[in-house]
Protein backbone atom coordinates (compact mmCIF):
# COMPACT_ATOMS: atom_id res chain seq x y z
CA MET A 1 137.96 136.44 121.64
CA LEU A 2 137.20 135.11 118.17
CA ARG A 3 136.27 131.76 119.70
CA LEU A 4 133.66 133.40 121.98
CA GLY A 5 132.17 135.31 119.04
CA SER A 6 131.93 132.12 116.98
CA LEU A 7 130.25 130.32 119.86
CA ALA A 8 127.73 133.13 120.31
CA ALA A 9 126.89 133.02 116.59
CA PHE A 10 126.47 129.24 116.81
CA TRP A 11 124.07 129.43 119.77
CA ALA A 12 122.10 132.29 118.21
CA ALA A 13 121.46 130.38 114.96
CA PRO A 14 117.77 129.52 114.53
CA PRO A 15 116.86 125.84 114.61
CA ALA A 16 116.32 123.99 111.35
CA PRO A 17 112.64 123.96 110.35
CA PRO A 18 110.94 120.75 111.50
CA VAL A 19 108.86 120.41 108.29
CA HIS A 20 110.40 119.03 105.08
CA TRP A 21 108.39 119.63 101.89
CA HIS A 22 108.29 117.60 98.69
CA ILE A 23 106.10 117.10 95.62
CA LYS A 24 103.90 114.03 95.92
CA SER A 25 102.42 114.29 92.40
CA ALA A 26 102.28 116.86 89.61
CA PRO A 27 101.27 116.69 85.95
CA ALA A 28 104.10 116.02 83.49
CA ALA A 29 102.75 118.18 80.67
CA VAL A 30 99.75 120.51 80.42
CA LYS A 31 98.15 122.84 77.91
CA PRO A 32 97.63 126.57 78.49
CA GLY A 33 94.27 127.17 80.18
CA ALA A 34 94.18 123.68 81.74
CA THR A 35 93.10 123.14 85.33
CA VAL A 36 95.49 120.81 87.15
CA SER A 37 96.20 119.52 90.65
CA VAL A 38 99.53 119.29 92.46
CA LEU A 39 99.89 117.30 95.67
CA ILE A 40 102.53 118.43 98.12
CA ALA A 41 103.53 116.72 101.34
CA GLY A 42 105.23 117.98 104.45
CA GLU A 43 107.12 115.46 106.54
CA ILE A 44 107.05 116.72 110.12
CA ASP A 45 109.82 115.83 112.56
CA PRO A 46 108.78 113.68 115.57
CA GLY A 47 107.37 115.72 118.45
CA TRP A 48 106.43 118.67 116.22
CA HIS A 49 103.17 119.66 114.55
CA LEU A 50 102.05 121.98 111.76
CA TYR A 51 98.85 124.01 111.96
CA ALA A 52 95.99 123.69 109.46
CA LEU A 53 94.86 126.20 106.82
CA GLU A 54 92.29 127.76 109.18
CA GLU A 55 92.82 128.55 112.85
CA PRO A 56 90.82 130.58 115.39
CA GLU A 57 91.64 134.23 116.03
CA GLY A 58 94.12 134.57 118.87
CA GLY A 59 95.48 131.09 118.20
CA PRO A 60 98.44 129.85 116.20
CA ASN A 61 99.33 131.09 112.74
CA ALA A 62 97.45 129.08 110.12
CA THR A 63 99.42 127.56 107.26
CA GLU A 64 99.28 129.72 104.11
CA ILE A 65 100.03 128.44 100.62
CA SER A 66 100.48 130.66 97.57
CA LEU A 67 102.38 130.99 94.30
CA THR A 68 104.82 133.76 93.45
CA ASP A 69 103.70 136.54 91.13
CA GLY A 70 104.57 135.81 87.52
CA ASP A 71 104.32 132.02 87.80
CA ALA A 72 102.84 130.15 84.82
CA ALA A 73 99.67 129.26 86.77
CA ASP A 74 97.19 130.77 89.20
CA LEU A 75 96.26 129.10 92.47
CA LEU A 76 92.48 128.52 92.50
CA ASN A 77 92.22 126.88 95.94
CA VAL A 78 93.96 124.54 98.37
CA GLU A 79 92.54 121.44 100.04
CA GLU A 80 94.09 119.76 103.06
CA ALA A 81 93.87 116.26 104.48
CA LYS A 82 91.74 116.05 107.64
CA PRO A 83 93.72 117.63 110.51
CA LYS A 84 93.54 116.55 114.16
CA THR A 85 91.53 118.83 116.44
CA VAL A 86 92.63 119.21 120.08
CA VAL A 87 92.72 121.83 122.79
CA ASP A 88 96.25 123.19 122.53
CA PRO A 89 97.78 123.87 125.98
CA LEU A 90 100.02 126.61 124.56
CA PHE A 91 97.01 128.58 123.23
CA GLY A 92 94.24 127.33 125.55
CA MET A 93 91.80 126.76 122.70
CA PRO A 94 90.83 124.11 120.14
CA VAL A 95 93.20 124.10 117.17
CA GLN A 96 93.68 121.92 114.09
CA PHE A 97 97.07 120.49 113.23
CA PHE A 98 99.05 117.75 111.50
CA ALA A 99 101.66 115.51 113.12
CA GLY A 100 103.98 113.18 111.20
CA PHE A 101 102.92 114.43 107.77
CA ALA A 102 100.55 116.85 106.03
CA ILE A 103 99.13 116.56 102.52
CA PHE A 104 97.84 119.55 100.55
CA THR A 105 96.21 119.54 97.10
CA LEU A 106 96.76 122.69 95.08
CA HIS A 107 94.21 123.32 92.33
CA LEU A 108 95.80 125.45 89.63
CA LYS A 109 94.86 126.99 86.31
CA VAL A 110 97.68 127.32 83.78
CA ASN A 111 97.74 130.82 82.30
CA GLU A 112 96.45 131.01 78.72
CA ALA A 113 99.44 133.09 77.61
CA THR A 114 102.04 130.64 78.95
CA PRO A 115 104.41 129.68 76.12
CA ALA A 116 105.28 126.06 75.42
CA GLY A 117 108.31 124.73 77.26
CA ALA A 118 109.64 124.04 80.74
CA HIS A 119 108.46 126.29 83.56
CA THR A 120 108.85 126.30 87.33
CA LEU A 121 106.09 127.11 89.79
CA HIS A 122 107.25 128.54 93.11
CA VAL A 123 104.96 127.36 95.90
CA LEU A 124 105.32 129.51 99.02
CA LEU A 125 104.52 127.66 102.24
CA ARG A 126 104.23 129.91 105.28
CA TYR A 127 103.63 128.01 108.48
CA GLN A 128 104.14 127.87 112.22
CA SER A 129 105.32 124.69 113.89
CA CYS A 130 105.22 123.86 117.57
CA ASN A 131 106.06 121.06 119.95
CA ASP A 132 104.67 120.53 123.46
CA ARG A 133 106.83 123.32 124.93
CA VAL A 134 107.54 125.96 122.30
CA CYS A 135 106.34 127.43 119.02
CA LEU A 136 108.80 128.58 116.39
CA PRO A 137 108.16 131.90 114.65
CA PRO A 138 106.30 131.61 111.33
CA HIS A 139 108.61 130.41 108.56
CA THR A 140 108.31 130.43 104.75
CA ASP A 141 109.71 127.68 102.54
CA THR A 142 109.68 127.71 98.74
CA LEU A 143 108.97 124.47 96.91
CA GLU A 144 109.79 124.44 93.19
CA VAL A 145 107.36 122.47 91.02
CA PRO A 146 108.41 121.76 87.42
CA LEU A 147 105.65 122.35 84.86
CA GLY A 148 105.89 121.39 81.20
CA VAL A 149 103.57 123.32 78.90
CA LYS A 150 102.71 122.04 75.44
CA ARG A 151 100.67 123.73 72.72
């Protein structure tokens, strides 16, 4: 009986997310009040794609990028590399997506009151990924970005 329960738990486990995030570039040290850019990249497993920052109503969930409350910086805006635009057979409408990899540039302003020292920004990446047959439910990953602040 225990074996059947273990097997059921194994089959019910959600699949591993097909997008793997990492920091492409970030400033080593900044001053309070500075405006800086952080590049993040998502490596997307073969056969999967990740939707862009803006998608039509009734279509897939657009990728959302934010910082956690209390981080040492504020997110001013996010830029994305040029996504592919195609008519998606799962949604029956034109959508924008990335396959293989996605690059996002986060423009940040370091808070004036941030004390000198080592800090960690927590980038929240909420996204939906699909292949040609199925879409996974939206998923949120957290990417930690080290930030050194000097006075």
